[in-house]
Amino acid sequence: TRLENTVRWRWHTGDVAIWDNRATQHYALDDYGTQERIVRRVTFKGEVPVGVQGQRSQVTKSP
């Protein structure tokens, strides 16, 4: 990942970060010490993304 394609967020109470995994990658630095980190995944219905090679993404479900 090129530095110019990254973002470094300075968190404040109530902040929420949202990204689209079809077009981005999430990379969390382990620098939040003892602070609580809550992560939730949300998946929307719609078109199934297609990769640059034309391969359709695989839909998975939680066990």
PDB file of N, CA and C in Angstrom:
ATOM      1  N   THR A   1       0.846  -1.183   0.000  1.00  0.00           N
ATOM      2  CA  THR A   1       0.000   0.000   0.000  1.00  0.00           C
ATOM      3  C   THR A   1       0.881   1.233   0.000  1.00  0.00           C
ATOM      4  N   ARG A   2       0.611   2.115  -0.908  1.00  0.00           N
ATOM      5  CA  ARG A   2       1.363   3.371  -0.966  1.00  0.00           C
ATOM      6  C   ARG A   2       0.861   4.330   0.106  1.00  0.00           C
ATOM      7  N   LEU A   3       1.769   5.075   0.702  1.00  0.00           N
ATOM      8  CA  LEU A   3       1.421   6.001   1.766  1.00  0.00           C
ATOM      9  C   LEU A   3       0.354   7.000   1.318  1.00  0.00           C
ATOM     10  N   GLU A   4       0.410   7.453   0.077  1.00  0.00           N
ATOM     11  CA  GLU A   4      -0.572   8.438  -0.408  1.00  0.00           C
ATOM     12  C   GLU A   4      -1.975   7.843  -0.553  1.00  0.00           C
ATOM     13  N   ASN A   5      -2.084   6.524  -0.443  1.00  0.00           N
ATOM     14  CA  ASN A   5      -3.392   5.856  -0.522  1.00  0.00           C
ATOM     15  C   ASN A   5      -3.878   5.392   0.845  1.00  0.00           C
ATOM     16  N   THR A   6      -3.338   5.969   1.910  1.00  0.00           N
ATOM     17  CA  THR A   6      -3.727   5.572   3.262  1.00  0.00           C
ATOM     18  C   THR A   6      -4.292   6.768   4.020  1.00  0.00           C
ATOM     19  N   VAL A   7      -4.976   6.468   5.106  1.00  0.00           N
ATOM     20  CA  VAL A   7      -5.482   7.517   5.991  1.00  0.00           C
ATOM     21  C   VAL A   7      -5.163   7.117   7.428  1.00  0.00           C
ATOM     22  N   ARG A   8      -4.760   8.067   8.220  1.00  0.00           N
ATOM     23  CA  ARG A   8      -4.480   7.841   9.644  1.00  0.00           C
ATOM     24  C   ARG A   8      -5.459   8.706  10.416  1.00  0.00           C
ATOM     25  N   TRP A   9      -6.303   8.077  11.204  1.00  0.00           N
ATOM     26  CA  TRP A   9      -7.389   8.773  11.883  1.00  0.00           C
ATOM     27  C   TRP A   9      -7.020   9.056  13.330  1.00  0.00           C
ATOM     28  N   ARG A  10      -7.298  10.276  13.780  1.00  0.00           N
ATOM     29  CA  ARG A  10      -7.145  10.624  15.196  1.00  0.00           C
ATOM     30  C   ARG A  10      -8.539  10.546  15.814  1.00  0.00           C
ATOM     31  N   TRP A  11      -8.763   9.507  16.595  1.00  0.00           N
ATOM     32  CA  TRP A  11     -10.093   9.197  17.114  1.00  0.00           C
ATOM     33  C   TRP A  11     -10.549  10.159  18.190  1.00  0.00           C
ATOM     34  N   HIS A  12     -11.850  10.446  18.153  1.00  0.00           N
ATOM     35  CA  HIS A  12     -12.530  11.223  19.183  1.00  0.00           C
ATOM     36  C   HIS A  12     -13.788  10.459  19.576  1.00  0.00           C
ATOM     37  N   THR A  13     -14.279  10.679  20.774  1.00  0.00           N
ATOM     38  CA  THR A  13     -15.484  10.002  21.248  1.00  0.00           C
ATOM     39  C   THR A  13     -16.611  10.160  20.238  1.00  0.00           C
ATOM     40  N   GLY A  14     -17.243   9.041  19.888  1.00  0.00           N
ATOM     41  CA  GLY A  14     -18.370   9.061  18.956  1.00  0.00           C
ATOM     42  C   GLY A  14     -17.988   8.873  17.501  1.00  0.00           C
ATOM     43  N   ASP A  15     -16.693   8.843  17.182  1.00  0.00           N
ATOM     44  CA  ASP A  15     -16.261   8.651  15.794  1.00  0.00           C
ATOM     45  C   ASP A  15     -16.621   7.253  15.301  1.00  0.00           C
ATOM     46  N   VAL A  16     -16.932   7.165  14.024  1.00  0.00           N
ATOM     47  CA  VAL A  16     -17.224   5.898  13.357  1.00  0.00           C
ATOM     48  C   VAL A  16     -16.460   5.893  12.042  1.00  0.00           C
ATOM     49  N   ALA A  17     -15.806   4.788  11.719  1.00  0.00           N
ATOM     50  CA  ALA A  17     -15.109   4.656  10.433  1.00  0.00           C
ATOM     51  C   ALA A  17     -15.835   3.612   9.598  1.00  0.00           C
ATOM     52  N   ILE A  18     -16.074   3.930   8.334  1.00  0.00           N
ATOM     53  CA  ILE A  18     -16.742   3.010   7.412  1.00  0.00           C
ATOM     54  C   ILE A  18     -15.929   2.973   6.128  1.00  0.00           C
ATOM     55  N   TRP A  19     -15.707   1.782   5.592  1.00  0.00           N
ATOM     56  CA  TRP A  19     -15.019   1.656   4.309  1.00  0.00           C
ATOM     57  C   TRP A  19     -15.655   0.545   3.511  1.00  0.00           C
ATOM     58  N   ASP A  20     -15.428   0.571   2.226  1.00  0.00           N
ATOM     59  CA  ASP A  20     -15.990  -0.412   1.296  1.00  0.00           C
ATOM     60  C   ASP A  20     -14.899  -1.414   0.949  1.00  0.00           C
ATOM     61  N   ASN A  21     -15.003  -2.626   1.488  1.00  0.00           N
ATOM     62  CA  ASN A  21     -13.972  -3.638   1.255  1.00  0.00           C
ATOM     63  C   ASN A  21     -13.885  -4.088  -0.191  1.00  0.00           C
ATOM     64  N   ARG A  22     -14.862  -3.702  -1.028  1.00  0.00           N
ATOM     65  CA  ARG A  22     -14.766  -4.049  -2.445  1.00  0.00           C
ATOM     66  C   ARG A  22     -13.698  -3.207  -3.126  1.00  0.00           C
ATOM     67  N   ALA A  23     -13.374  -2.063  -2.543  1.00  0.00           N
ATOM     68  CA  ALA A  23     -12.436  -1.151  -3.188  1.00  0.00           C
ATOM     69  C   ALA A  23     -11.262  -0.759  -2.293  1.00  0.00           C
ATOM     70  N   THR A  24     -11.272  -1.177  -1.041  1.00  0.00           N
ATOM     71  CA  THR A  24     -10.212  -0.779  -0.115  1.00  0.00           C
ATOM     72  C   THR A  24      -9.776  -1.964   0.734  1.00  0.00           C
ATOM     73  N   GLN A  25      -8.692  -1.779   1.440  1.00  0.00           N
ATOM     74  CA  GLN A  25      -8.232  -2.771   2.405  1.00  0.00           C
ATOM     75  C   GLN A  25      -8.110  -2.091   3.758  1.00  0.00           C
ATOM     76  N   HIS A  26      -8.497  -2.805   4.797  1.00  0.00           N
ATOM     77  CA  HIS A  26      -8.401  -2.292   6.154  1.00  0.00           C
ATOM     78  C   HIS A  26      -7.121  -2.827   6.776  1.00  0.00           C
ATOM     79  N   TYR A  27      -6.341  -1.937   7.347  1.00  0.00           N
ATOM     80  CA  TYR A  27      -5.102  -2.334   8.018  1.00  0.00           C
ATOM     81  C   TYR A  27      -5.030  -1.566   9.334  1.00  0.00           C
ATOM     82  N   ALA A  28      -5.286  -2.243  10.422  1.00  0.00           N
ATOM     83  CA  ALA A  28      -5.284  -1.589  11.733  1.00  0.00           C
ATOM     84  C   ALA A  28      -3.919  -1.716  12.386  1.00  0.00           C
ATOM     85  N   LEU A  29      -3.416  -0.615  12.887  1.00  0.00           N
ATOM     86  CA  LEU A  29      -2.177  -0.641  13.657  1.00  0.00           C
ATOM     87  C   LEU A  29      -2.514  -0.998  15.094  1.00  0.00           C
ATOM     88  N   ASP A  30      -1.687  -1.807  15.699  1.00  0.00           N
ATOM     89  CA  ASP A  30      -1.915  -2.215  17.087  1.00  0.00           C
ATOM     90  C   ASP A  30      -1.282  -1.189  18.019  1.00  0.00           C
ATOM     91  N   ASP A  31      -1.854   0.028  18.021  1.00  0.00           N
ATOM     92  CA  ASP A  31      -1.284   1.089  18.845  1.00  0.00           C
ATOM     93  C   ASP A  31      -2.335   1.766  19.717  1.00  0.00           C
ATOM     94  N   TYR A  32      -3.410   1.054  20.017  1.00  0.00           N
ATOM     95  CA  TYR A  32      -4.483   1.655  20.813  1.00  0.00           C
ATOM     96  C   TYR A  32      -4.424   1.214  22.273  1.00  0.00           C
ATOM     97  N   GLY A  33      -3.336   0.547  22.642  1.00  0.00           N
ATOM     98  CA  GLY A  33      -3.095   0.197  24.036  1.00  0.00           C
ATOM     99  C   GLY A  33      -4.238  -0.567  24.674  1.00  0.00           C
ATOM    100  N   THR A  34      -4.713  -0.066  25.815  1.00  0.00           N
ATOM    101  CA  THR A  34      -5.791  -0.735  26.541  1.00  0.00           C
ATOM    102  C   THR A  34      -7.173  -0.221  26.146  1.00  0.00           C
ATOM    103  N   GLN A  35      -7.236   0.688  25.179  1.00  0.00           N
ATOM    104  CA  GLN A  35      -8.523   1.228  24.741  1.00  0.00           C
ATOM    105  C   GLN A  35      -9.347   0.141  24.067  1.00  0.00           C
ATOM    106  N   GLU A  36     -10.658   0.171  24.287  1.00  0.00           N
ATOM    107  CA  GLU A  36     -11.549  -0.803  23.672  1.00  0.00           C
ATOM    108  C   GLU A  36     -11.668  -0.524  22.175  1.00  0.00           C
ATOM    109  N   ARG A  37     -11.625  -1.568  21.397  1.00  0.00           N
ATOM    110  CA  ARG A  37     -11.786  -1.457  19.943  1.00  0.00           C
ATOM    111  C   ARG A  37     -12.965  -2.338  19.552  1.00  0.00           C
ATOM    112  N   ILE A  38     -14.024  -1.728  19.048  1.00  0.00           N
ATOM    113  CA  ILE A  38     -15.231  -2.460  18.667  1.00  0.00           C
ATOM    114  C   ILE A  38     -15.314  -2.488  17.150  1.00  0.00           C
ATOM    115  N   VAL A  39     -15.446  -3.685  16.594  1.00  0.00           N
ATOM    116  CA  VAL A  39     -15.513  -3.846  15.140  1.00  0.00           C
ATOM    117  C   VAL A  39     -16.814  -4.556  14.797  1.00  0.00           C
ATOM    118  N   ARG A  40     -17.542  -4.028  13.834  1.00  0.00           N
ATOM    119  CA  ARG A  40     -18.775  -4.643  13.349  1.00  0.00           C
ATOM    120  C   ARG A  40     -18.690  -4.737  11.837  1.00  0.00           C
ATOM    121  N   ARG A  41     -19.152  -5.847  11.289  1.00  0.00           N
ATOM    122  CA  ARG A  41     -19.188  -6.008   9.838  1.00  0.00           C
ATOM    123  C   ARG A  41     -20.633  -5.898   9.370  1.00  0.00           C
ATOM    124  N   VAL A  42     -20.842  -5.121   8.335  1.00  0.00           N
ATOM    125  CA  VAL A  42     -22.166  -4.964   7.738  1.00  0.00           C
ATOM    126  C   VAL A  42     -22.049  -5.324   6.272  1.00  0.00           C
ATOM    127  N   THR A  43     -22.946  -6.170   5.788  1.00  0.00           N
ATOM    128  CA  THR A  43     -22.956  -6.561   4.383  1.00  0.00           C
ATOM    129  C   THR A  43     -24.296  -6.177   3.782  1.00  0.00           C
ATOM    130  N   PHE A  44     -24.264  -5.489   2.669  1.00  0.00           N
ATOM    131  CA  PHE A  44     -25.478  -5.052   1.994  1.00  0.00           C
ATOM    132  C   PHE A  44     -25.789  -5.963   0.823  1.00  0.00           C
ATOM    133  N   LYS A  45     -27.072  -6.154   0.568  1.00  0.00           N
ATOM    134  CA  LYS A  45     -27.473  -6.904  -0.617  1.00  0.00           C
ATOM    135  C   LYS A  45     -27.304  -6.008  -1.833  1.00  0.00           C
ATOM    136  N   GLY A  46     -27.010  -6.613  -2.955  1.00  0.00           N
ATOM    137  CA  GLY A  46     -26.837  -5.850  -4.184  1.00  0.00           C
ATOM    138  C   GLY A  46     -25.999  -6.638  -5.163  1.00  0.00           C
ATOM    139  N   GLU A  47     -25.388  -5.928  -6.079  1.00  0.00           N
ATOM    140  CA  GLU A  47     -24.550  -6.578  -7.078  1.00  0.00           C
ATOM    141  C   GLU A  47     -23.341  -7.233  -6.417  1.00  0.00           C
ATOM    142  N   VAL A  48     -22.995  -8.405  -6.900  1.00  0.00           N
ATOM    143  CA  VAL A  48     -21.800  -9.085  -6.406  1.00  0.00           C
ATOM    144  C   VAL A  48     -20.596  -8.476  -7.118  1.00  0.00           C
ATOM    145  N   PRO A  49     -19.601  -8.001  -6.368  1.00  0.00           N
ATOM    146  CA  PRO A  49     -18.425  -7.394  -6.992  1.00  0.00           C
ATOM    147  C   PRO A  49     -17.680  -8.378  -7.894  1.00  0.00           C
ATOM    148  N   VAL A  50     -17.062  -7.839  -8.932  1.00  0.00           N
ATOM    149  CA  VAL A  50     -16.283  -8.633  -9.875  1.00  0.00           C
ATOM    150  C   VAL A  50     -14.858  -8.100  -9.864  1.00  0.00           C
ATOM    151  N   GLY A  51     -13.886  -9.010  -9.738  1.00  0.00           N
ATOM    152  CA  GLY A  51     -12.488  -8.612  -9.716  1.00  0.00           C
ATOM    153  C   GLY A  51     -11.983  -8.201 -11.089  1.00  0.00           C
ATOM    154  N   VAL A  52     -10.755  -7.702 -11.140  1.00  0.00           N
ATOM    155  CA  VAL A  52     -10.177  -7.234 -12.394  1.00  0.00           C
ATOM    156  C   VAL A  52     -10.027  -8.354 -13.413  1.00  0.00           C
ATOM    157  N   GLN A  53      -9.948  -9.598 -12.944  1.00  0.00           N
ATOM    158  CA  GLN A  53      -9.846 -10.742 -13.850  1.00  0.00           C
ATOM    159  C   GLN A  53     -11.224 -11.282 -14.238  1.00  0.00           C
ATOM    160  N   GLY A  54     -12.298 -10.613 -13.802  1.00  0.00           N
ATOM    161  CA  GLY A  54     -13.650 -11.041 -14.132  1.00  0.00           C
ATOM    162  C   GLY A  54     -14.224 -12.077 -13.190  1.00  0.00           C
ATOM    163  N   GLN A  55     -13.494 -12.427 -12.141  1.00  0.00           N
ATOM    164  CA  GLN A  55     -13.964 -13.430 -11.187  1.00  0.00           C
ATOM    165  C   GLN A  55     -14.918 -12.783 -10.187  1.00  0.00           C
ATOM    166  N   ARG A  56     -16.108 -13.404 -10.020  1.00  0.00           N
ATOM    167  CA  ARG A  56     -17.091 -12.889  -9.077  1.00  0.00           C
ATOM    168  C   ARG A  56     -16.664 -13.205  -7.645  1.00  0.00           C
ATOM    169  N   SER A  57     -16.944 -12.284  -6.735  1.00  0.00           N
ATOM    170  CA  SER A  57     -16.659 -12.506  -5.322  1.00  0.00           C
ATOM    171  C   SER A  57     -17.509 -13.647  -4.791  1.00  0.00           C
ATOM    172  N   GLN A  58     -16.985 -14.327  -3.795  1.00  0.00           N
ATOM    173  CA  GLN A  58     -17.706 -15.422  -3.159  1.00  0.00           C
ATOM    174  C   GLN A  58     -18.482 -14.887  -1.962  1.00  0.00           C
ATOM    175  N   VAL A  59     -19.750 -15.218  -1.874  1.00  0.00           N
ATOM    176  CA  VAL A  59     -20.569 -14.810  -0.744  1.00  0.00           C
ATOM    177  C   VAL A  59     -20.417 -15.849   0.353  1.00  0.00           C
ATOM    178  N   THR A  60     -20.098 -15.415   1.555  1.00  0.00           N
ATOM    179  CA  THR A  60     -19.952 -16.328   2.686  1.00  0.00           C
ATOM    180  C   THR A  60     -20.922 -15.932   3.787  1.00  0.00           C
ATOM    181  N   LYS A  61     -21.263 -16.900   4.616  1.00  0.00           N
ATOM    182  CA  LYS A  61     -22.153 -16.644   5.750  1.00  0.00           C
ATOM    183  C   LYS A  61     -21.476 -17.121   7.018  1.00  0.00           C
ATOM    184  N   SER A  62     -21.815 -16.481   8.125  1.00  0.00           N
ATOM    185  CA  SER A  62     -21.268 -16.892   9.417  1.00  0.00           C
ATOM    186  C   SER A  62     -21.762 -18.284   9.771  1.00  0.00           C
ATOM    187  N   PRO A  63     -20.945 -19.038  10.502  1.00  0.00           N
ATOM    188  CA  PRO A  63     -21.366 -20.397  10.894  1.00  0.00           C
ATOM    189  C   PRO A  63     -22.565 -20.370  11.821  1.00  0.00           C
TER     190      PRO A  63
END
